[in-house]
Amino acid sequence: MLSDKFTTLAEMVKERVREGRGRVAFRELIKWAEGTEIGSPFVLYAIVKDLLDREELVAPEGYEELPELMTWPVPKVVSLPEAARAVEEAEETEAKELVEEVPQKPRLELDVERLDEDLKKALYYLSEYWSVGEIRFKVDLKRLGVRDPDKILLKLLDMGVVELTASGVLNLKVELPKLKKRPSLSELL
């Protein structure tokens, strides 16, 4: 007899979740349960746990502890499995659409190996640091042994490889080809 009563209460909970468009916060279920035959949050917890174990409900947002349930972990939200899948599929579709909307950088088509050494050093640098302050860029190129960083910067701007913002930030505008870094002497040994 207890099992029939439990099944009836479980069906009530599932119906309430259906009414909530397939998902309901557990805290809302507690408030709802107080006005039904379920009454106690402890009885509701037992019902929901059983439904989760039987995979008739899912907890898509994980669990939290509630003081009114002696800090037992309860689902933040309970959902019908088909509603959880629908939300997941909608989120995946939205993510794909966002990725498609992001404009891709044009690829720089040139034979890097035929460029002069200073320009190669600048491109190697930009392949690692694609957004850098103009002053930092020039200082770092100087440290890399570039004779005239100003000339290289102007050449990169003319080629459309970089843009210089009003605030003095140098941003890479193109996708660079895979650049093979030359091994240092210590890497060879």
N, C-alpha and C. Protein backbone atom coordinates (compact mmCIF):
# COMPACT_ATOMS: atom_id res chain seq x y z
N MET A 1 0.82 -1.19 0.00
CA MET A 1 0.00 0.00 0.00
C MET A 1 0.87 1.26 0.00
N LEU A 2 1.96 1.24 0.79
CA LEU A 2 2.87 2.38 0.84
C LEU A 2 3.47 2.63 -0.54
N SER A 3 3.76 1.57 -1.26
CA SER A 3 4.33 1.71 -2.58
C SER A 3 3.35 2.37 -3.55
N ASP A 4 2.07 2.06 -3.47
CA ASP A 4 1.06 2.71 -4.33
C ASP A 4 0.97 4.19 -4.01
N LYS A 5 0.99 4.52 -2.74
CA LYS A 5 0.93 5.92 -2.31
C LYS A 5 2.17 6.67 -2.81
N PHE A 6 3.34 6.04 -2.67
CA PHE A 6 4.59 6.65 -3.10
C PHE A 6 4.57 6.89 -4.61
N THR A 7 4.07 5.91 -5.37
CA THR A 7 3.96 6.04 -6.82
C THR A 7 3.04 7.20 -7.19
N THR A 8 1.94 7.34 -6.49
CA THR A 8 1.00 8.43 -6.75
C THR A 8 1.66 9.78 -6.48
N LEU A 9 2.40 9.88 -5.37
CA LEU A 9 3.10 11.12 -5.04
C LEU A 9 4.19 11.42 -6.07
N ALA A 10 4.88 10.39 -6.52
CA ALA A 10 5.92 10.57 -7.54
C ALA A 10 5.30 11.09 -8.83
N GLU A 11 4.14 10.57 -9.20
CA GLU A 11 3.45 11.05 -10.40
C GLU A 11 3.04 12.51 -10.23
N MET A 12 2.65 12.90 -9.01
CA MET A 12 2.30 14.30 -8.74
C MET A 12 3.51 15.21 -8.98
N VAL A 13 4.67 14.77 -8.49
CA VAL A 13 5.89 15.56 -8.67
C VAL A 13 6.22 15.69 -10.16
N LYS A 14 6.17 14.58 -10.88
CA LYS A 14 6.47 14.63 -12.33
C LYS A 14 5.48 15.54 -13.05
N GLU A 15 4.22 15.51 -12.66
CA GLU A 15 3.21 16.37 -13.29
C GLU A 15 3.53 17.85 -13.02
N ARG A 16 3.95 18.15 -11.79
CA ARG A 16 4.33 19.53 -11.45
C ARG A 16 5.51 19.98 -12.31
N VAL A 17 6.48 19.09 -12.53
CA VAL A 17 7.63 19.42 -13.37
C VAL A 17 7.17 19.66 -14.81
N ARG A 18 6.26 18.83 -15.30
CA ARG A 18 5.71 19.03 -16.66
C ARG A 18 5.04 20.40 -16.78
N GLU A 19 4.28 20.77 -15.75
CA GLU A 19 3.60 22.08 -15.75
C GLU A 19 4.60 23.22 -15.78
N GLY A 20 5.78 22.98 -15.24
CA GLY A 20 6.83 24.00 -15.23
C GLY A 20 7.67 23.97 -16.49
N ARG A 21 7.08 23.54 -17.59
CA ARG A 21 7.75 23.46 -18.90
C ARG A 21 8.93 22.49 -18.88
N GLY A 22 8.80 21.47 -18.04
CA GLY A 22 9.80 20.41 -18.04
C GLY A 22 10.95 20.61 -17.08
N ARG A 23 10.97 21.75 -16.35
CA ARG A 23 12.04 21.97 -15.37
C ARG A 23 11.56 22.92 -14.28
N VAL A 24 11.93 22.59 -13.04
CA VAL A 24 11.51 23.38 -11.89
C VAL A 24 12.65 23.39 -10.87
N ALA A 25 12.86 24.54 -10.26
CA ALA A 25 13.86 24.63 -9.18
C ALA A 25 13.37 23.82 -7.99
N PHE A 26 14.28 23.12 -7.32
CA PHE A 26 13.91 22.29 -6.18
C PHE A 26 13.29 23.14 -5.08
N ARG A 27 13.79 24.34 -4.87
CA ARG A 27 13.23 25.23 -3.84
C ARG A 27 11.77 25.55 -4.14
N GLU A 28 11.43 25.71 -5.42
CA GLU A 28 10.03 25.94 -5.80
C GLU A 28 9.19 24.70 -5.52
N LEU A 29 9.78 23.53 -5.76
CA LEU A 29 9.06 22.28 -5.46
C LEU A 29 8.75 22.16 -3.97
N ILE A 30 9.67 22.60 -3.12
CA ILE A 30 9.43 22.54 -1.68
C ILE A 30 8.21 23.39 -1.33
N LYS A 31 8.14 24.61 -1.85
CA LYS A 31 6.99 25.49 -1.57
C LYS A 31 5.70 24.85 -2.07
N TRP A 32 5.77 24.29 -3.29
CA TRP A 32 4.58 23.64 -3.86
C TRP A 32 4.15 22.44 -3.02
N ALA A 33 5.13 21.63 -2.59
CA ALA A 33 4.84 20.39 -1.85
C ALA A 33 4.15 20.67 -0.52
N GLU A 34 4.45 21.81 0.10
CA GLU A 34 3.84 22.14 1.39
C GLU A 34 2.31 22.20 1.29
N GLY A 35 1.79 22.56 0.14
CA GLY A 35 0.34 22.67 -0.04
C GLY A 35 -0.29 21.41 -0.62
N THR A 36 0.44 20.30 -0.64
CA THR A 36 -0.08 19.05 -1.20
C THR A 36 0.00 17.94 -0.16
N GLU A 37 -0.35 16.75 -0.56
CA GLU A 37 -0.25 15.58 0.32
C GLU A 37 1.19 15.29 0.71
N ILE A 38 2.12 15.75 -0.10
CA ILE A 38 3.54 15.51 0.19
C ILE A 38 3.93 16.22 1.47
N GLY A 39 3.59 17.49 1.57
CA GLY A 39 3.79 18.26 2.78
C GLY A 39 5.24 18.54 3.14
N SER A 40 5.97 17.57 3.58
CA SER A 40 7.30 17.72 4.13
C SER A 40 8.38 17.77 3.04
N PRO A 41 9.40 18.62 3.23
CA PRO A 41 10.53 18.63 2.30
C PRO A 41 11.29 17.29 2.31
N PHE A 42 11.23 16.57 3.45
CA PHE A 42 11.92 15.29 3.55
C PHE A 42 11.25 14.23 2.67
N VAL A 43 9.92 14.26 2.63
CA VAL A 43 9.18 13.33 1.77
C VAL A 43 9.45 13.69 0.31
N LEU A 44 9.43 14.98 0.01
CA LEU A 44 9.72 15.44 -1.36
C LEU A 44 11.13 14.99 -1.76
N TYR A 45 12.08 15.16 -0.86
CA TYR A 45 13.46 14.75 -1.14
C TYR A 45 13.51 13.26 -1.51
N ALA A 46 12.82 12.42 -0.73
CA ALA A 46 12.82 10.98 -0.98
C ALA A 46 12.21 10.67 -2.34
N ILE A 47 11.14 11.36 -2.68
CA ILE A 47 10.47 11.13 -3.97
C ILE A 47 11.39 11.54 -5.12
N VAL A 48 11.95 12.73 -5.02
CA VAL A 48 12.81 13.25 -6.09
C VAL A 48 14.06 12.38 -6.22
N LYS A 49 14.63 11.96 -5.10
CA LYS A 49 15.82 11.09 -5.17
C LYS A 49 15.48 9.79 -5.90
N ASP A 50 14.33 9.21 -5.59
CA ASP A 50 13.91 7.98 -6.26
C ASP A 50 13.72 8.23 -7.77
N LEU A 51 13.09 9.33 -8.13
CA LEU A 51 12.88 9.65 -9.55
C LEU A 51 14.21 9.89 -10.27
N LEU A 52 15.15 10.49 -9.58
CA LEU A 52 16.48 10.69 -10.17
C LEU A 52 17.20 9.36 -10.35
N ASP A 53 17.10 8.50 -9.33
CA ASP A 53 17.73 7.18 -9.42
C ASP A 53 17.16 6.36 -10.57
N ARG A 54 15.86 6.50 -10.81
CA ARG A 54 15.21 5.76 -11.90
C ARG A 54 15.32 6.50 -13.24
N GLU A 55 16.00 7.65 -13.23
CA GLU A 55 16.23 8.48 -14.42
C GLU A 55 14.94 8.97 -15.06
N GLU A 56 13.91 9.14 -14.23
CA GLU A 56 12.67 9.75 -14.69
C GLU A 56 12.75 11.27 -14.56
N LEU A 57 13.69 11.73 -13.76
CA LEU A 57 14.05 13.14 -13.65
C LEU A 57 15.57 13.22 -13.71
N VAL A 58 16.07 14.39 -14.09
CA VAL A 58 17.52 14.63 -14.10
C VAL A 58 17.81 15.94 -13.37
N ALA A 59 19.04 16.11 -12.97
CA ALA A 59 19.49 17.34 -12.28
C ALA A 59 20.50 18.03 -13.18
N PRO A 60 20.04 18.79 -14.18
CA PRO A 60 20.97 19.36 -15.18
C PRO A 60 21.92 20.43 -14.64
N GLU A 61 21.60 21.03 -13.50
CA GLU A 61 22.45 22.11 -12.98
C GLU A 61 23.21 21.70 -11.73
N GLY A 62 23.25 20.40 -11.46
CA GLY A 62 24.01 19.93 -10.31
C GLY A 62 23.24 20.03 -9.00
N TYR A 63 23.98 19.98 -7.90
CA TYR A 63 23.38 19.89 -6.58
C TYR A 63 23.85 21.02 -5.67
N GLU A 64 23.05 21.25 -4.63
CA GLU A 64 23.40 22.21 -3.59
C GLU A 64 22.91 21.66 -2.26
N GLU A 65 23.41 22.22 -1.16
CA GLU A 65 22.96 21.79 0.16
C GLU A 65 21.93 22.78 0.68
N LEU A 66 20.86 22.25 1.28
CA LEU A 66 19.82 23.11 1.85
C LEU A 66 19.78 22.93 3.37
N PRO A 67 19.84 24.01 4.11
CA PRO A 67 19.79 23.91 5.57
C PRO A 67 18.49 23.25 6.07
N GLU A 68 17.38 23.51 5.38
CA GLU A 68 16.11 22.93 5.82
C GLU A 68 16.08 21.41 5.64
N LEU A 69 17.03 20.86 4.91
CA LEU A 69 17.14 19.41 4.74
C LEU A 69 18.44 18.90 5.36
N MET A 70 18.85 19.53 6.46
CA MET A 70 20.05 19.14 7.19
C MET A 70 21.27 19.08 6.25
N THR A 71 21.35 20.01 5.36
CA THR A 71 22.42 20.16 4.35
C THR A 71 22.60 18.94 3.47
N TRP A 72 21.55 18.16 3.24
CA TRP A 72 21.62 17.07 2.27
C TRP A 72 21.74 17.68 0.88
N PRO A 73 22.51 17.08 0.02
CA PRO A 73 22.62 17.62 -1.35
C PRO A 73 21.33 17.36 -2.13
N VAL A 74 20.75 18.44 -2.64
CA VAL A 74 19.53 18.34 -3.45
C VAL A 74 19.81 18.96 -4.80
N PRO A 75 19.09 18.54 -5.84
CA PRO A 75 19.31 19.16 -7.14
C PRO A 75 18.88 20.63 -7.12
N LYS A 76 19.65 21.46 -7.78
CA LYS A 76 19.25 22.87 -7.90
C LYS A 76 17.97 22.96 -8.71
N VAL A 77 17.93 22.18 -9.78
CA VAL A 77 16.78 22.14 -10.68
C VAL A 77 16.52 20.69 -11.02
N VAL A 78 15.24 20.31 -11.09
CA VAL A 78 14.90 18.99 -11.60
C VAL A 78 14.23 19.19 -12.94
N SER A 79 14.48 18.25 -13.82
CA SER A 79 13.99 18.38 -15.18
C SER A 79 13.61 17.01 -15.71
N LEU A 80 12.64 17.01 -16.60
CA LEU A 80 12.33 15.79 -17.33
C LEU A 80 13.48 15.56 -18.30
N PRO A 81 13.89 14.31 -18.49
CA PRO A 81 15.04 14.05 -19.37
C PRO A 81 14.89 14.67 -20.76
N GLU A 82 13.70 14.58 -21.34
CA GLU A 82 13.52 15.13 -22.69
C GLU A 82 13.63 16.65 -22.69
N ALA A 83 13.21 17.31 -21.61
CA ALA A 83 13.34 18.77 -21.52
C ALA A 83 14.80 19.15 -21.38
N ALA A 84 15.55 18.38 -20.60
CA ALA A 84 16.99 18.66 -20.43
C ALA A 84 17.72 18.50 -21.76
N ARG A 85 17.36 17.46 -22.53
CA ARG A 85 17.99 17.26 -23.85
C ARG A 85 17.66 18.41 -24.78
N ALA A 86 16.40 18.86 -24.74
CA ALA A 86 15.98 19.97 -25.62
C ALA A 86 16.77 21.23 -25.30
N VAL A 87 16.95 21.51 -24.01
CA VAL A 87 17.71 22.70 -23.61
C VAL A 87 19.16 22.56 -24.06
N GLU A 88 19.72 21.38 -23.87
CA GLU A 88 21.11 21.11 -24.27
C GLU A 88 21.28 21.29 -25.77
N GLU A 89 20.35 20.75 -26.55
CA GLU A 89 20.43 20.88 -28.01
C GLU A 89 20.29 22.34 -28.43
N ALA A 90 19.40 23.09 -27.77
CA ALA A 90 19.23 24.50 -28.10
C ALA A 90 20.51 25.28 -27.78
N GLU A 91 21.15 24.96 -26.65
CA GLU A 91 22.40 25.64 -26.29
C GLU A 91 23.50 25.31 -27.29
N GLU A 92 23.57 24.05 -27.73
CA GLU A 92 24.58 23.67 -28.72
C GLU A 92 24.35 24.41 -30.04
N THR A 93 23.10 24.50 -30.47
CA THR A 93 22.77 25.20 -31.70
C THR A 93 23.15 26.67 -31.59
N GLU A 94 22.82 27.28 -30.44
CA GLU A 94 23.16 28.68 -30.22
C GLU A 94 24.67 28.90 -30.24
N ALA A 95 25.41 27.98 -29.62
CA ALA A 95 26.87 28.09 -29.60
C ALA A 95 27.44 27.98 -31.01
N LYS A 96 26.90 27.07 -31.82
CA LYS A 96 27.37 26.93 -33.21
C LYS A 96 27.09 28.19 -34.00
N GLU A 97 25.90 28.78 -33.79
CA GLU A 97 25.55 30.00 -34.51
C GLU A 97 26.49 31.13 -34.11
N LEU A 98 26.84 31.23 -32.83
CA LEU A 98 27.76 32.26 -32.39
C LEU A 98 29.12 32.09 -33.02
N VAL A 99 29.59 30.84 -33.11
CA VAL A 99 30.89 30.57 -33.71
C VAL A 99 30.87 30.96 -35.18
N GLU A 100 29.77 30.67 -35.86
CA GLU A 100 29.66 31.00 -37.27
C GLU A 100 29.63 32.50 -37.49
N GLU A 101 29.10 33.26 -36.51
CA GLU A 101 29.00 34.71 -36.66
C GLU A 101 30.35 35.41 -36.47
N VAL A 102 31.27 34.78 -35.75
CA VAL A 102 32.56 35.39 -35.51
C VAL A 102 33.35 35.41 -36.81
N PRO A 103 33.67 36.59 -37.30
CA PRO A 103 34.41 36.63 -38.56
C PRO A 103 35.82 36.05 -38.38
N GLN A 104 36.21 35.26 -39.33
CA GLN A 104 37.53 34.65 -39.28
C GLN A 104 38.54 35.63 -39.87
N LYS A 105 39.72 35.64 -39.29
CA LYS A 105 40.77 36.50 -39.81
C LYS A 105 41.25 35.94 -41.14
N PRO A 106 41.53 36.83 -42.10
CA PRO A 106 42.09 36.32 -43.35
C PRO A 106 43.47 35.74 -43.09
N ARG A 107 43.82 34.74 -43.86
CA ARG A 107 45.11 34.08 -43.69
C ARG A 107 46.16 34.82 -44.50
N LEU A 108 47.31 35.07 -43.88
CA LEU A 108 48.42 35.73 -44.55
C LEU A 108 49.07 34.73 -45.49
N GLU A 109 49.03 35.02 -46.77
CA GLU A 109 49.60 34.12 -47.78
C GLU A 109 50.92 34.70 -48.28
N LEU A 110 51.99 34.23 -47.73
CA LEU A 110 53.32 34.62 -48.21
C LEU A 110 54.32 33.59 -47.75
N ASP A 111 55.41 33.52 -48.45
CA ASP A 111 56.46 32.57 -48.11
C ASP A 111 57.36 33.24 -47.06
N VAL A 112 57.14 32.86 -45.84
CA VAL A 112 57.84 33.48 -44.72
C VAL A 112 59.35 33.29 -44.84
N GLU A 113 59.78 32.14 -45.37
CA GLU A 113 61.21 31.84 -45.46
C GLU A 113 61.94 32.79 -46.40
N ARG A 114 61.23 33.45 -47.30
CA ARG A 114 61.89 34.36 -48.26
C ARG A 114 61.95 35.80 -47.75
N LEU A 115 61.39 36.05 -46.60
CA LEU A 115 61.39 37.41 -46.05
C LEU A 115 62.73 37.72 -45.41
N ASP A 116 63.01 39.03 -45.24
CA ASP A 116 64.26 39.37 -44.57
C ASP A 116 64.17 38.98 -43.09
N GLU A 117 65.31 38.81 -42.48
CA GLU A 117 65.40 38.27 -41.12
C GLU A 117 64.63 39.10 -40.09
N ASP A 118 64.70 40.43 -40.21
CA ASP A 118 64.01 41.28 -39.24
C ASP A 118 62.49 41.11 -39.33
N LEU A 119 61.96 41.01 -40.55
CA LEU A 119 60.53 40.82 -40.73
C LEU A 119 60.10 39.44 -40.21
N LYS A 120 60.94 38.44 -40.42
CA LYS A 120 60.65 37.11 -39.89
C LYS A 120 60.57 37.14 -38.37
N LYS A 121 61.53 37.83 -37.75
CA LYS A 121 61.52 37.92 -36.29
C LYS A 121 60.24 38.58 -35.78
N ALA A 122 59.80 39.62 -36.49
CA ALA A 122 58.57 40.30 -36.10
C ALA A 122 57.36 39.37 -36.24
N LEU A 123 57.32 38.59 -37.31
CA LEU A 123 56.20 37.65 -37.50
C LEU A 123 56.22 36.53 -36.47
N TYR A 124 57.39 36.03 -36.14
CA TYR A 124 57.50 35.02 -35.08
C TYR A 124 56.96 35.60 -33.77
N TYR A 125 57.35 36.83 -33.49
CA TYR A 125 56.91 37.51 -32.28
C TYR A 125 55.39 37.65 -32.27
N LEU A 126 54.84 38.11 -33.38
CA LEU A 126 53.39 38.32 -33.47
C LEU A 126 52.60 37.01 -33.43
N SER A 127 53.25 35.92 -33.82
CA SER A 127 52.54 34.64 -33.74
C SER A 127 52.34 34.22 -32.28
N GLU A 128 53.14 34.78 -31.38
CA GLU A 128 52.97 34.50 -29.94
C GLU A 128 52.22 35.61 -29.24
N TYR A 129 52.50 36.84 -29.58
CA TYR A 129 51.90 38.00 -28.93
C TYR A 129 51.10 38.78 -29.97
N TRP A 130 49.84 38.39 -30.17
CA TRP A 130 49.03 38.96 -31.25
C TRP A 130 48.38 40.29 -30.89
N SER A 131 48.51 40.72 -29.65
CA SER A 131 48.03 42.03 -29.22
C SER A 131 49.02 42.56 -28.20
N VAL A 132 49.68 43.65 -28.55
CA VAL A 132 50.77 44.14 -27.70
C VAL A 132 50.86 45.66 -27.87
N GLY A 133 51.31 46.32 -26.82
CA GLY A 133 51.52 47.76 -26.91
C GLY A 133 52.64 48.08 -27.90
N GLU A 134 52.50 49.22 -28.58
CA GLU A 134 53.48 49.60 -29.60
C GLU A 134 54.90 49.72 -29.01
N ILE A 135 55.01 50.34 -27.85
CA ILE A 135 56.33 50.52 -27.24
C ILE A 135 56.92 49.16 -26.86
N ARG A 136 56.12 48.29 -26.25
CA ARG A 136 56.60 46.95 -25.87
C ARG A 136 57.06 46.20 -27.11
N PHE A 137 56.28 46.29 -28.20
CA PHE A 137 56.62 45.62 -29.46
C PHE A 137 58.00 46.06 -29.94
N LYS A 138 58.22 47.37 -29.97
CA LYS A 138 59.50 47.89 -30.46
C LYS A 138 60.66 47.49 -29.55
N VAL A 139 60.45 47.56 -28.24
CA VAL A 139 61.50 47.17 -27.29
C VAL A 139 61.84 45.69 -27.46
N ASP A 140 60.81 44.85 -27.56
CA ASP A 140 61.05 43.41 -27.70
C ASP A 140 61.74 43.08 -29.01
N LEU A 141 61.35 43.77 -30.11
CA LEU A 141 62.02 43.52 -31.39
C LEU A 141 63.49 43.92 -31.30
N LYS A 142 63.76 45.02 -30.63
CA LYS A 142 65.15 45.47 -30.46
C LYS A 142 65.95 44.39 -29.72
N ARG A 143 65.32 43.80 -28.65
CA ARG A 143 65.99 42.74 -27.88
C ARG A 143 66.21 41.49 -28.74
N LEU A 144 65.34 41.28 -29.72
CA LEU A 144 65.48 40.13 -30.62
C LEU A 144 66.52 40.37 -31.71
N GLY A 145 67.09 41.58 -31.72
CA GLY A 145 68.15 41.88 -32.67
C GLY A 145 67.68 42.57 -33.93
N VAL A 146 66.44 43.07 -33.95
CA VAL A 146 65.94 43.81 -35.12
C VAL A 146 66.59 45.19 -35.12
N ARG A 147 67.18 45.53 -36.27
CA ARG A 147 67.93 46.79 -36.37
C ARG A 147 67.03 48.02 -36.29
N ASP A 148 65.89 48.01 -37.01
CA ASP A 148 65.03 49.19 -37.05
C ASP A 148 63.56 48.78 -36.83
N PRO A 149 63.11 48.66 -35.56
CA PRO A 149 61.74 48.24 -35.27
C PRO A 149 60.68 49.18 -35.88
N ASP A 150 60.98 50.48 -35.97
CA ASP A 150 60.02 51.42 -36.57
C ASP A 150 59.76 51.08 -38.03
N LYS A 151 60.82 50.78 -38.76
CA LYS A 151 60.70 50.42 -40.18
C LYS A 151 59.89 49.13 -40.34
N ILE A 152 60.13 48.15 -39.48
CA ILE A 152 59.41 46.88 -39.54
C ILE A 152 57.93 47.11 -39.22
N LEU A 153 57.65 47.95 -38.23
CA LEU A 153 56.26 48.24 -37.88
C LEU A 153 55.54 48.88 -39.06
N LEU A 154 56.17 49.85 -39.70
CA LEU A 154 55.55 50.49 -40.87
C LEU A 154 55.30 49.48 -41.99
N LYS A 155 56.25 48.58 -42.20
CA LYS A 155 56.10 47.57 -43.24
C LYS A 155 54.91 46.65 -42.91
N LEU A 156 54.78 46.23 -41.64
CA LEU A 156 53.67 45.37 -41.22
C LEU A 156 52.33 46.08 -41.38
N LEU A 157 52.31 47.40 -41.09
CA LEU A 157 51.09 48.18 -41.27
C LEU A 157 50.73 48.28 -42.75
N ASP A 158 51.73 48.52 -43.61
CA ASP A 158 51.51 48.60 -45.06
C ASP A 158 51.02 47.28 -45.63
N MET A 159 51.53 46.18 -45.11
CA MET A 159 51.13 44.86 -45.60
C MET A 159 49.73 44.47 -45.11
N GLY A 160 49.19 45.22 -44.12
CA GLY A 160 47.89 44.89 -43.56
C GLY A 160 47.93 43.74 -42.57
N VAL A 161 49.11 43.46 -42.06
CA VAL A 161 49.28 42.35 -41.11
C VAL A 161 48.82 42.78 -39.72
N VAL A 162 49.05 44.05 -39.37
CA VAL A 162 48.68 44.56 -38.05
C VAL A 162 47.91 45.86 -38.20
N GLU A 163 47.23 46.21 -37.10
CA GLU A 163 46.60 47.54 -37.03
C GLU A 163 47.08 48.18 -35.74
N LEU A 164 47.17 49.49 -35.74
CA LEU A 164 47.60 50.23 -34.57
C LEU A 164 46.41 51.05 -34.09
N THR A 165 45.95 50.78 -32.85
CA THR A 165 44.78 51.49 -32.33
C THR A 165 45.19 52.87 -31.83
N ALA A 166 44.21 53.71 -31.60
CA ALA A 166 44.45 55.06 -31.11
C ALA A 166 45.11 55.04 -29.74
N SER A 167 44.88 53.98 -28.97
CA SER A 167 45.48 53.89 -27.64
C SER A 167 46.88 53.28 -27.67
N GLY A 168 47.41 53.01 -28.86
CA GLY A 168 48.77 52.52 -28.97
C GLY A 168 48.93 51.02 -28.85
N VAL A 169 47.87 50.29 -29.15
CA VAL A 169 47.94 48.83 -29.10
C VAL A 169 48.04 48.30 -30.52
N LEU A 170 48.96 47.38 -30.69
CA LEU A 170 49.19 46.75 -31.98
C LEU A 170 48.46 45.41 -31.98
N ASN A 171 47.53 45.23 -32.93
CA ASN A 171 46.76 43.99 -33.02
C ASN A 171 47.02 43.29 -34.34
N LEU A 172 47.19 41.99 -34.26
CA LEU A 172 47.36 41.16 -35.45
C LEU A 172 46.02 41.09 -36.19
N LYS A 173 46.01 41.38 -37.49
CA LYS A 173 44.77 41.40 -38.28
C LYS A 173 44.58 40.15 -39.12
N VAL A 174 45.59 39.33 -39.25
CA VAL A 174 45.52 38.16 -40.13
C VAL A 174 45.92 36.92 -39.35
N GLU A 175 45.55 35.78 -39.88
CA GLU A 175 46.02 34.53 -39.31
C GLU A 175 47.35 34.21 -39.96
N LEU A 176 48.36 34.04 -39.14
CA LEU A 176 49.69 33.77 -39.67
C LEU A 176 49.83 32.30 -40.03
N PRO A 177 50.62 32.01 -41.05
CA PRO A 177 50.88 30.59 -41.34
C PRO A 177 51.65 29.99 -40.17
N LYS A 178 51.62 28.68 -40.05
CA LYS A 178 52.38 28.03 -38.98
C LYS A 178 53.85 28.37 -39.15
N LEU A 179 54.38 29.00 -38.14
CA LEU A 179 55.77 29.42 -38.20
C LEU A 179 56.61 28.47 -37.37
N LYS A 180 57.62 27.94 -37.99
CA LYS A 180 58.53 27.05 -37.28
C LYS A 180 59.57 27.90 -36.59
N LYS A 181 59.61 27.76 -35.29
CA LYS A 181 60.59 28.50 -34.54
C LYS A 181 61.94 27.84 -34.71
N ARG A 182 62.93 28.63 -34.96
CA ARG A 182 64.26 28.07 -35.09
C ARG A 182 64.76 27.61 -33.74
N PRO A 183 65.29 26.41 -33.67
CA PRO A 183 65.78 25.92 -32.37
C PRO A 183 67.00 26.71 -31.94
N SER A 184 67.07 26.95 -30.64
CA SER A 184 68.24 27.65 -30.11
C SER A 184 69.38 26.64 -29.97
N LEU A 185 70.55 27.16 -29.73
CA LEU A 185 71.72 26.30 -29.57
C LEU A 185 71.54 25.33 -28.40
N SER A 186 70.94 25.83 -27.30
CA SER A 186 70.72 24.96 -26.14
C SER A 186 69.72 23.86 -26.44
N GLU A 187 68.74 24.11 -27.30
CA GLU A 187 67.77 23.07 -27.68
C GLU A 187 68.39 22.00 -28.55
N LEU A 188 69.39 22.39 -29.35
CA LEU A 188 70.07 21.43 -30.20
C LEU A 188 70.98 20.50 -29.41
N LEU A 189 71.51 21.00 -28.30
CA LEU A 189 72.41 20.20 -27.46
C LEU A 189 71.60 19.43 -26.52
